Amino acid sequence: MAYKITSDCNSCGACEPECPNSAISMGSDIYEIKMEACTECVGFHNEPQCAAVCPVDTCVTDPAHVETEAALIAKAKKLHPGKDFSGNVKSHFKK
C-alpha cells in the first residue's frame, strides 16, 4: 500500500531526501507522496523511510492503495531497471 502524508504535516522536509524513488515532493501547502512511485521502500529498506524520519508522524499507510510485496517489488523494478532485486530483497513484509 502506498503511503500518504496527512494534513498535519509541518513541511519540515525530512521525508523528501529519504525516499529512494523520489516519490515525495512539496505540494501547495504540505509534502505529498506520488502513489504511483511509492514502493513503501521495499527493495531498499526494511521500513518506509518517510515514516521513520517524520517528526510528527504524518507519513501513514494509505488504505485506498493496498499493494502486495510482489506488486511493490514489480513497481520498484520498473522505477529502477538497473538495480538487482533478486535474492533477499529488503522489505517490511519480512519481520
PDB file of N, CA and C in Angstrom:
ATOM      1  N   MET A   1       0.860  -1.167   0.000  1.00  0.00           N
ATOM      2  CA  MET A   1       0.000   0.000   0.000  1.00  0.00           C
ATOM      3  C   MET A   1       0.892   1.209   0.000  1.00  0.00           C
ATOM      4  N   ALA A   2       0.555   2.164  -0.751  1.00  0.00           N
ATOM      5  CA  ALA A   2       1.334   3.402  -0.782  1.00  0.00           C
ATOM      6  C   ALA A   2       1.150   4.155   0.526  1.00  0.00           C
ATOM      7  N   TYR A   3       2.099   4.985   0.794  1.00  0.00           N
ATOM      8  CA  TYR A   3       1.996   5.862   1.956  1.00  0.00           C
ATOM      9  C   TYR A   3       1.428   7.201   1.506  1.00  0.00           C
ATOM     10  N   LYS A   4       0.915   7.941   2.448  1.00  0.00           N
ATOM     11  CA  LYS A   4       0.433   9.287   2.179  1.00  0.00           C
ATOM     12  C   LYS A   4       0.883  10.171   3.334  1.00  0.00           C
ATOM     13  N   ILE A   5       0.815  11.466   3.106  1.00  0.00           N
ATOM     14  CA  ILE A   5       1.168  12.436   4.141  1.00  0.00           C
ATOM     15  C   ILE A   5      -0.104  13.172   4.524  1.00  0.00           C
ATOM     16  N   THR A   6      -0.400  13.177   5.801  1.00  0.00           N
ATOM     17  CA  THR A   6      -1.648  13.791   6.263  1.00  0.00           C
ATOM     18  C   THR A   6      -1.518  15.312   6.328  1.00  0.00           C
ATOM     19  N   SER A   7      -2.634  15.967   6.510  1.00  0.00           N
ATOM     20  CA  SER A   7      -2.684  17.431   6.562  1.00  0.00           C
ATOM     21  C   SER A   7      -1.991  17.996   7.798  1.00  0.00           C
ATOM     22  N   ASP A   8      -1.602  17.143   8.736  1.00  0.00           N
ATOM     23  CA  ASP A   8      -0.877  17.596   9.924  1.00  0.00           C
ATOM     24  C   ASP A   8       0.615  17.815   9.649  1.00  0.00           C
ATOM     25  N   CYS A   9       1.053  17.585   8.422  1.00  0.00           N
ATOM     26  CA  CYS A   9       2.451  17.770   8.036  1.00  0.00           C
ATOM     27  C   CYS A   9       2.896  19.196   8.367  1.00  0.00           C
ATOM     28  N   ASN A  10       4.085  19.301   8.954  1.00  0.00           N
ATOM     29  CA  ASN A  10       4.609  20.630   9.283  1.00  0.00           C
ATOM     30  C   ASN A  10       5.595  21.140   8.224  1.00  0.00           C
ATOM     31  N   SER A  11       5.670  20.443   7.103  1.00  0.00           N
ATOM     32  CA  SER A  11       6.500  20.838   5.954  1.00  0.00           C
ATOM     33  C   SER A  11       7.978  20.980   6.296  1.00  0.00           C
ATOM     34  N   CYS A  12       8.472  20.129   7.183  1.00  0.00           N
ATOM     35  CA  CYS A  12       9.889  20.206   7.575  1.00  0.00           C
ATOM     36  C   CYS A  12      10.815  19.702   6.471  1.00  0.00           C
ATOM     37  N   GLY A  13      10.313  18.798   5.619  1.00  0.00           N
ATOM     38  CA  GLY A  13      11.116  18.285   4.516  1.00  0.00           C
ATOM     39  C   GLY A  13      12.005  17.105   4.849  1.00  0.00           C
ATOM     40  N   ALA A  14      11.917  16.573   6.053  1.00  0.00           N
ATOM     41  CA  ALA A  14      12.773  15.447   6.444  1.00  0.00           C
ATOM     42  C   ALA A  14      12.548  14.215   5.572  1.00  0.00           C
ATOM     43  N   CYS A  15      11.342  14.022   5.106  1.00  0.00           N
ATOM     44  CA  CYS A  15      10.992  12.826   4.356  1.00  0.00           C
ATOM     45  C   CYS A  15      11.510  12.825   2.913  1.00  0.00           C
ATOM     46  N   GLU A  16      11.511  13.976   2.293  1.00  0.00           N
ATOM     47  CA  GLU A  16      11.808  14.048   0.858  1.00  0.00           C
ATOM     48  C   GLU A  16      13.133  13.390   0.460  1.00  0.00           C
ATOM     49  N   PRO A  17      14.255  13.713   1.083  1.00  0.00           N
ATOM     50  CA  PRO A  17      15.517  13.098   0.641  1.00  0.00           C
ATOM     51  C   PRO A  17      15.649  11.622   1.002  1.00  0.00           C
ATOM     52  N   GLU A  18      14.803  11.115   1.869  1.00  0.00           N
ATOM     53  CA  GLU A  18      14.887   9.716   2.296  1.00  0.00           C
ATOM     54  C   GLU A  18      14.236   8.747   1.312  1.00  0.00           C
ATOM     55  N   CYS A  19      13.393   9.242   0.430  1.00  0.00           N
ATOM     56  CA  CYS A  19      12.649   8.374  -0.493  1.00  0.00           C
ATOM     57  C   CYS A  19      13.556   7.880  -1.617  1.00  0.00           C
ATOM     58  N   PRO A  20      13.742   6.561  -1.749  1.00  0.00           N
ATOM     59  CA  PRO A  20      14.607   6.033  -2.802  1.00  0.00           C
ATOM     60  C   PRO A  20      14.003   6.170  -4.199  1.00  0.00           C
ATOM     61  N   ASN A  21      12.730   6.523  -4.264  1.00  0.00           N
ATOM     62  CA  ASN A  21      12.036   6.622  -5.549  1.00  0.00           C
ATOM     63  C   ASN A  21      11.717   8.055  -5.956  1.00  0.00           C
ATOM     64  N   SER A  22      12.154   9.018  -5.179  1.00  0.00           N
ATOM     65  CA  SER A  22      11.823  10.429  -5.434  1.00  0.00           C
ATOM     66  C   SER A  22      10.312  10.630  -5.563  1.00  0.00           C
ATOM     67  N   ALA A  23       9.567   9.911  -4.734  1.00  0.00           N
ATOM     68  CA  ALA A  23       8.101   9.980  -4.778  1.00  0.00           C
ATOM     69  C   ALA A  23       7.544  11.133  -3.955  1.00  0.00           C
ATOM     70  N   ILE A  24       8.384  11.797  -3.163  1.00  0.00           N
ATOM     71  CA  ILE A  24       7.914  12.842  -2.257  1.00  0.00           C
ATOM     72  C   ILE A  24       8.351  14.204  -2.777  1.00  0.00           C
ATOM     73  N   SER A  25       7.392  15.131  -2.808  1.00  0.00           N
ATOM     74  CA  SER A  25       7.702  16.496  -3.231  1.00  0.00           C
ATOM     75  C   SER A  25       6.785  17.460  -2.491  1.00  0.00           C
ATOM     76  N   MET A  26       7.181  18.710  -2.507  1.00  0.00           N
ATOM     77  CA  MET A  26       6.384  19.740  -1.857  1.00  0.00           C
ATOM     78  C   MET A  26       5.151  20.022  -2.699  1.00  0.00           C
ATOM     79  N   GLY A  27       3.997  19.966  -2.062  1.00  0.00           N
ATOM     80  CA  GLY A  27       2.750  20.311  -2.726  1.00  0.00           C
ATOM     81  C   GLY A  27       2.464  21.784  -2.506  1.00  0.00           C
ATOM     82  N   SER A  28       1.222  22.182  -2.612  1.00  0.00           N
ATOM     83  CA  SER A  28       0.889  23.589  -2.437  1.00  0.00           C
ATOM     84  C   SER A  28       1.065  24.056  -0.995  1.00  0.00           C
ATOM     85  N   ASP A  29       0.788  23.183  -0.031  1.00  0.00           N
ATOM     86  CA  ASP A  29       0.933  23.555   1.383  1.00  0.00           C
ATOM     87  C   ASP A  29       1.803  22.594   2.184  1.00  0.00           C
ATOM     88  N   ILE A  30       1.749  21.321   1.828  1.00  0.00           N
ATOM     89  CA  ILE A  30       2.487  20.291   2.551  1.00  0.00           C
ATOM     90  C   ILE A  30       3.160  19.356   1.550  1.00  0.00           C
ATOM     91  N   TYR A  31       4.018  18.484   2.060  1.00  0.00           N
ATOM     92  CA  TYR A  31       4.643  17.487   1.204  1.00  0.00           C
ATOM     93  C   TYR A  31       3.607  16.441   0.795  1.00  0.00           C
ATOM     94  N   GLU A  32       3.830  15.873  -0.390  1.00  0.00           N
ATOM     95  CA  GLU A  32       2.918  14.870  -0.938  1.00  0.00           C
ATOM     96  C   GLU A  32       3.721  13.673  -1.437  1.00  0.00           C
ATOM     97  N   ILE A  33       3.072  12.516  -1.446  1.00  0.00           N
ATOM     98  CA  ILE A  33       3.699  11.300  -1.962  1.00  0.00           C
ATOM     99  C   ILE A  33       2.942  10.863  -3.207  1.00  0.00           C
ATOM    100  N   LYS A  34       3.665  10.680  -4.324  1.00  0.00           N
ATOM    101  CA  LYS A  34       3.052  10.178  -5.555  1.00  0.00           C
ATOM    102  C   LYS A  34       2.826   8.678  -5.377  1.00  0.00           C
ATOM    103  N   MET A  35       1.583   8.278  -5.324  1.00  0.00           N
ATOM    104  CA  MET A  35       1.217   6.884  -5.098  1.00  0.00           C
ATOM    105  C   MET A  35       1.860   5.959  -6.120  1.00  0.00           C
ATOM    106  N   GLU A  36       1.925   6.379  -7.367  1.00  0.00           N
ATOM    107  CA  GLU A  36       2.467   5.511  -8.413  1.00  0.00           C
ATOM    108  C   GLU A  36       3.975   5.289  -8.289  1.00  0.00           C
ATOM    109  N   ALA A  37       4.641   6.076  -7.461  1.00  0.00           N
ATOM    110  CA  ALA A  37       6.090   5.913  -7.275  1.00  0.00           C
ATOM    111  C   ALA A  37       6.444   5.394  -5.883  1.00  0.00           C
ATOM    112  N   CYS A  38       5.468   5.222  -5.019  1.00  0.00           N
ATOM    113  CA  CYS A  38       5.739   4.747  -3.661  1.00  0.00           C
ATOM    114  C   CYS A  38       5.788   3.225  -3.643  1.00  0.00           C
ATOM    115  N   THR A  39       6.911   2.690  -3.169  1.00  0.00           N
ATOM    116  CA  THR A  39       7.065   1.243  -3.013  1.00  0.00           C
ATOM    117  C   THR A  39       7.198   0.869  -1.544  1.00  0.00           C
ATOM    118  N   GLU A  40       6.849   1.802  -0.664  1.00  0.00           N
ATOM    119  CA  GLU A  40       6.988   1.588   0.779  1.00  0.00           C
ATOM    120  C   GLU A  40       8.425   1.227   1.131  1.00  0.00           C
ATOM    121  N   CYS A  41       9.350   1.643   0.300  1.00  0.00           N
ATOM    122  CA  CYS A  41      10.789   1.383   0.434  1.00  0.00           C
ATOM    123  C   CYS A  41      11.151  -0.093   0.265  1.00  0.00           C
ATOM    124  N   VAL A  42      10.212  -0.923  -0.193  1.00  0.00           N
ATOM    125  CA  VAL A  42      10.507  -2.330  -0.463  1.00  0.00           C
ATOM    126  C   VAL A  42      11.602  -2.388  -1.527  1.00  0.00           C
ATOM    127  N   GLY A  43      12.614  -3.204  -1.258  1.00  0.00           N
ATOM    128  CA  GLY A  43      13.752  -3.316  -2.147  1.00  0.00           C
ATOM    129  C   GLY A  43      14.920  -2.445  -1.721  1.00  0.00           C
ATOM    130  N   PHE A  44      14.678  -1.519  -0.803  1.00  0.00           N
ATOM    131  CA  PHE A  44      15.714  -0.595  -0.369  1.00  0.00           C
ATOM    132  C   PHE A  44      15.929  -0.597   1.145  1.00  0.00           C
ATOM    133  N   HIS A  45      14.861  -0.672   1.903  1.00  0.00           N
ATOM    134  CA  HIS A  45      14.941  -0.587   3.361  1.00  0.00           C
ATOM    135  C   HIS A  45      13.954  -1.567   3.995  1.00  0.00           C
ATOM    136  N   ASN A  46      14.153  -1.851   5.261  1.00  0.00           N
ATOM    137  CA  ASN A  46      13.270  -2.755   5.995  1.00  0.00           C
ATOM    138  C   ASN A  46      12.061  -2.046   6.588  1.00  0.00           C
ATOM    139  N   GLU A  47      11.964  -0.733   6.381  1.00  0.00           N
ATOM    140  CA  GLU A  47      10.801   0.031   6.816  1.00  0.00           C
ATOM    141  C   GLU A  47      10.688   1.273   5.942  1.00  0.00           C
ATOM    142  N   PRO A  48       9.488   1.782   5.751  1.00  0.00           N
ATOM    143  CA  PRO A  48       9.311   3.008   4.975  1.00  0.00           C
ATOM    144  C   PRO A  48      10.057   4.173   5.643  1.00  0.00           C
ATOM    145  N   GLN A  49      10.975   4.750   4.907  1.00  0.00           N
ATOM    146  CA  GLN A  49      11.837   5.780   5.482  1.00  0.00           C
ATOM    147  C   GLN A  49      11.111   7.087   5.775  1.00  0.00           C
ATOM    148  N   CYS A  50      10.107   7.429   4.994  1.00  0.00           N
ATOM    149  CA  CYS A  50       9.368   8.670   5.265  1.00  0.00           C
ATOM    150  C   CYS A  50       8.751   8.614   6.657  1.00  0.00           C
ATOM    151  N   ALA A  51       8.147   7.477   6.976  1.00  0.00           N
ATOM    152  CA  ALA A  51       7.521   7.314   8.291  1.00  0.00           C
ATOM    153  C   ALA A  51       8.580   7.266   9.391  1.00  0.00           C
ATOM    154  N   ALA A  52       9.719   6.669   9.097  1.00  0.00           N
ATOM    155  CA  ALA A  52      10.772   6.530  10.103  1.00  0.00           C
ATOM    156  C   ALA A  52      11.365   7.875  10.507  1.00  0.00           C
ATOM    157  N   VAL A  53      11.444   8.820   9.573  1.00  0.00           N
ATOM    158  CA  VAL A  53      12.083  10.108   9.885  1.00  0.00           C
ATOM    159  C   VAL A  53      11.101  11.233  10.191  1.00  0.00           C
ATOM    160  N   CYS A  54       9.821  11.025   9.971  1.00  0.00           N
ATOM    161  CA  CYS A  54       8.839  12.093  10.172  1.00  0.00           C
ATOM    162  C   CYS A  54       8.714  12.434  11.661  1.00  0.00           C
ATOM    163  N   PRO A  55       9.013  13.681  12.021  1.00  0.00           N
ATOM    164  CA  PRO A  55       8.965  14.052  13.440  1.00  0.00           C
ATOM    165  C   PRO A  55       7.555  14.223  13.996  1.00  0.00           C
ATOM    166  N   VAL A  56       6.557  14.297  13.125  1.00  0.00           N
ATOM    167  CA  VAL A  56       5.179  14.493  13.600  1.00  0.00           C
ATOM    168  C   VAL A  56       4.250  13.349  13.182  1.00  0.00           C
ATOM    169  N   ASP A  57       4.840  12.243  12.728  1.00  0.00           N
ATOM    170  CA  ASP A  57       4.085  11.029  12.380  1.00  0.00           C
ATOM    171  C   ASP A  57       2.950  11.274  11.398  1.00  0.00           C
ATOM    172  N   THR A  58       3.232  12.022  10.327  1.00  0.00           N
ATOM    173  CA  THR A  58       2.187  12.286   9.332  1.00  0.00           C
ATOM    174  C   THR A  58       2.329  11.432   8.078  1.00  0.00           C
ATOM    175  N   CYS A  59       3.367  10.614   7.994  1.00  0.00           N
ATOM    176  CA  CYS A  59       3.527   9.677   6.882  1.00  0.00           C
ATOM    177  C   CYS A  59       2.897   8.367   7.325  1.00  0.00           C
ATOM    178  N   VAL A  60       1.757   8.056   6.729  1.00  0.00           N
ATOM    179  CA  VAL A  60       0.965   6.903   7.166  1.00  0.00           C
ATOM    180  C   VAL A  60       0.552   6.059   5.964  1.00  0.00           C
ATOM    181  N   THR A  61       0.169   4.821   6.235  1.00  0.00           N
ATOM    182  CA  THR A  61      -0.315   3.964   5.158  1.00  0.00           C
ATOM    183  C   THR A  61      -1.612   4.519   4.589  1.00  0.00           C
ATOM    184  N   ASP A  62      -1.783   4.312   3.299  1.00  0.00           N
ATOM    185  CA  ASP A  62      -2.980   4.772   2.604  1.00  0.00           C
ATOM    186  C   ASP A  62      -3.852   3.560   2.287  1.00  0.00           C
ATOM    187  N   PRO A  63      -4.893   3.319   3.076  1.00  0.00           N
ATOM    188  CA  PRO A  63      -5.722   2.120   2.859  1.00  0.00           C
ATOM    189  C   PRO A  63      -6.439   2.107   1.512  1.00  0.00           C
ATOM    190  N   ALA A  64      -6.452   3.213   0.818  1.00  0.00           N
ATOM    191  CA  ALA A  64      -7.067   3.262  -0.517  1.00  0.00           C
ATOM    192  C   ALA A  64      -6.134   2.689  -1.584  1.00  0.00           C
ATOM    193  N   HIS A  65      -4.876   2.425  -1.222  1.00  0.00           N
ATOM    194  CA  HIS A  65      -3.903   1.916  -2.182  1.00  0.00           C
ATOM    195  C   HIS A  65      -3.107   0.744  -1.598  1.00  0.00           C
ATOM    196  N   VAL A  66      -3.793  -0.346  -1.326  1.00  0.00           N
ATOM    197  CA  VAL A  66      -3.166  -1.544  -0.770  1.00  0.00           C
ATOM    198  C   VAL A  66      -2.469  -2.319  -1.890  1.00  0.00           C
ATOM    199  N   GLU A  67      -1.188  -2.689  -1.647  1.00  0.00           N
ATOM    200  CA  GLU A  67      -0.424  -3.464  -2.620  1.00  0.00           C
ATOM    201  C   GLU A  67       0.330  -4.576  -1.902  1.00  0.00           C
ATOM    202  N   THR A  68       0.525  -5.678  -2.588  1.00  0.00           N
ATOM    203  CA  THR A  68       1.286  -6.787  -2.031  1.00  0.00           C
ATOM    204  C   THR A  68       2.783  -6.505  -2.158  1.00  0.00           C
ATOM    205  N   GLU A  69       3.568  -7.286  -1.442  1.00  0.00           N
ATOM    206  CA  GLU A  69       5.014  -7.157  -1.566  1.00  0.00           C
ATOM    207  C   GLU A  69       5.442  -7.396  -3.011  1.00  0.00           C
ATOM    208  N   ALA A  70       4.872  -8.388  -3.664  1.00  0.00           N
ATOM    209  CA  ALA A  70       5.223  -8.691  -5.057  1.00  0.00           C
ATOM    210  C   ALA A  70       4.911  -7.510  -5.975  1.00  0.00           C
ATOM    211  N   ALA A  71       3.785  -6.870  -5.762  1.00  0.00           N
ATOM    212  CA  ALA A  71       3.416  -5.704  -6.581  1.00  0.00           C
ATOM    213  C   ALA A  71       4.376  -4.549  -6.337  1.00  0.00           C
ATOM    214  N   LEU A  72       4.794  -4.362  -5.083  1.00  0.00           N
ATOM    215  CA  LEU A  72       5.724  -3.282  -4.763  1.00  0.00           C
ATOM    216  C   LEU A  72       7.103  -3.554  -5.354  1.00  0.00           C
ATOM    217  N   ILE A  73       7.539  -4.802  -5.349  1.00  0.00           N
ATOM    218  CA  ILE A  73       8.820  -5.159  -5.967  1.00  0.00           C
ATOM    219  C   ILE A  73       8.751  -4.933  -7.476  1.00  0.00           C
ATOM    220  N   ALA A  74       7.647  -5.316  -8.091  1.00  0.00           N
ATOM    221  CA  ALA A  74       7.471  -5.098  -9.535  1.00  0.00           C
ATOM    222  C   ALA A  74       7.522  -3.598  -9.856  1.00  0.00           C
ATOM    223  N   LYS A  75       6.903  -2.785  -9.014  1.00  0.00           N
ATOM    224  CA  LYS A  75       6.932  -1.338  -9.213  1.00  0.00           C
ATOM    225  C   LYS A  75       8.360  -0.812  -9.063  1.00  0.00           C
ATOM    226  N   ALA A  76       9.078  -1.304  -8.067  1.00  0.00           N
ATOM    227  CA  ALA A  76      10.468  -0.889  -7.854  1.00  0.00           C
ATOM    228  C   ALA A  76      11.337  -1.259  -9.049  1.00  0.00           C
ATOM    229  N   LYS A  77      11.110  -2.436  -9.623  1.00  0.00           N
ATOM    230  CA  LYS A  77      11.868  -2.860 -10.801  1.00  0.00           C
ATOM    231  C   LYS A  77      11.636  -1.921 -11.974  1.00  0.00           C
ATOM    232  N   LYS A  78      10.397  -1.470 -12.145  1.00  0.00           N
ATOM    233  CA  LYS A  78      10.089  -0.528 -13.231  1.00  0.00           C
ATOM    234  C   LYS A  78      10.752   0.823 -12.987  1.00  0.00           C
ATOM    235  N   LEU A  79      10.750   1.266 -11.727  1.00  0.00           N
ATOM    236  CA  LEU A  79      11.329   2.569 -11.400  1.00  0.00           C
ATOM    237  C   LEU A  79      12.852   2.554 -11.434  1.00  0.00           C
ATOM    238  N   HIS A  80      13.454   1.380 -11.206  1.00  0.00           N
ATOM    239  CA  HIS A  80      14.921   1.251 -11.132  1.00  0.00           C
ATOM    240  C   HIS A  80      15.365   0.043 -11.960  1.00  0.00           C
ATOM    241  N   PRO A  81      15.276   0.136 -13.290  1.00  0.00           N
ATOM    242  CA  PRO A  81      15.580  -1.034 -14.128  1.00  0.00           C
ATOM    243  C   PRO A  81      17.013  -1.546 -14.013  1.00  0.00           C
ATOM    244  N   GLY A  82      17.936  -0.737 -13.561  1.00  0.00           N
ATOM    245  CA  GLY A  82      19.323  -1.169 -13.434  1.00  0.00           C
ATOM    246  C   GLY A  82      19.669  -1.809 -12.109  1.00  0.00           C
ATOM    247  N   LYS A  83      18.736  -1.805 -11.161  1.00  0.00           N
ATOM    248  CA  LYS A  83      19.003  -2.355  -9.828  1.00  0.00           C
ATOM    249  C   LYS A  83      18.639  -3.838  -9.782  1.00  0.00           C
ATOM    250  N   ASP A  84      19.465  -4.624  -9.120  1.00  0.00           N
ATOM    251  CA  ASP A  84      19.226  -6.056  -8.964  1.00  0.00           C
ATOM    252  C   ASP A  84      18.322  -6.280  -7.749  1.00  0.00           C
ATOM    253  N   PHE A  85      17.130  -6.749  -7.973  1.00  0.00           N
ATOM    254  CA  PHE A  85      16.191  -7.033  -6.897  1.00  0.00           C
ATOM    255  C   PHE A  85      16.067  -8.530  -6.630  1.00  0.00           C
ATOM    256  N   SER A  86      17.033  -9.308  -7.082  1.00  0.00           N
ATOM    257  CA  SER A  86      16.986 -10.747  -6.837  1.00  0.00           C
ATOM    258  C   SER A  86      17.557 -11.048  -5.452  1.00  0.00           C
ATOM    259  N   GLY A  87      17.316 -12.219  -4.977  1.00  0.00           N
ATOM    260  CA  GLY A  87      17.845 -12.614  -3.671  1.00  0.00           C
ATOM    261  C   GLY A  87      16.983 -12.110  -2.530  1.00  0.00           C
ATOM    262  N   ASN A  88      17.611 -11.766  -1.444  1.00  0.00           N
ATOM    263  CA  ASN A  88      16.908 -11.332  -0.238  1.00  0.00           C
ATOM    264  C   ASN A  88      16.590  -9.841  -0.327  1.00  0.00           C
ATOM    265  N   VAL A  89      15.426  -9.513  -0.835  1.00  0.00           N
ATOM    266  CA  VAL A  89      15.002  -8.133  -1.016  1.00  0.00           C
ATOM    267  C   VAL A  89      14.577  -7.546   0.328  1.00  0.00           C
ATOM    268  N   LYS A  90      15.102  -6.357   0.646  1.00  0.00           N
ATOM    269  CA  LYS A  90      14.707  -5.704   1.901  1.00  0.00           C
ATOM    270  C   LYS A  90      13.240  -5.341   1.822  1.00  0.00           C
ATOM    271  N   SER A  91      12.530  -5.607   2.935  1.00  0.00           N
ATOM    272  CA  SER A  91      11.095  -5.367   2.943  1.00  0.00           C
ATOM    273  C   SER A  91      10.546  -5.414   4.361  1.00  0.00           C
ATOM    274  N   HIS A  92       9.614  -4.546   4.648  1.00  0.00           N
ATOM    275  CA  HIS A  92       8.936  -4.570   5.959  1.00  0.00           C
ATOM    276  C   HIS A  92       7.952  -5.732   6.047  1.00  0.00           C
ATOM    277  N   PHE A  93       7.712  -6.414   4.940  1.00  0.00           N
ATOM    278  CA  PHE A  93       6.847  -7.593   4.962  1.00  0.00           C
ATOM    279  C   PHE A  93       7.546  -8.762   5.652  1.00  0.00           C
ATOM    280  N   LYS A  94       8.879  -8.702   5.706  1.00  0.00           N
ATOM    281  CA  LYS A  94       9.680  -9.760   6.324  1.00  0.00           C
ATOM    282  C   LYS A  94      10.077  -9.320   7.717  1.00  0.00           C
ATOM    283  N   LYS A  95       9.436  -9.821   8.696  1.00  0.00           N
ATOM    284  CA  LYS A  95       9.720  -9.428  10.087  1.00  0.00           C
ATOM    285  C   LYS A  95      10.565 -10.492  10.750  1.00  0.00           C
TER     286      LYS A  95
END
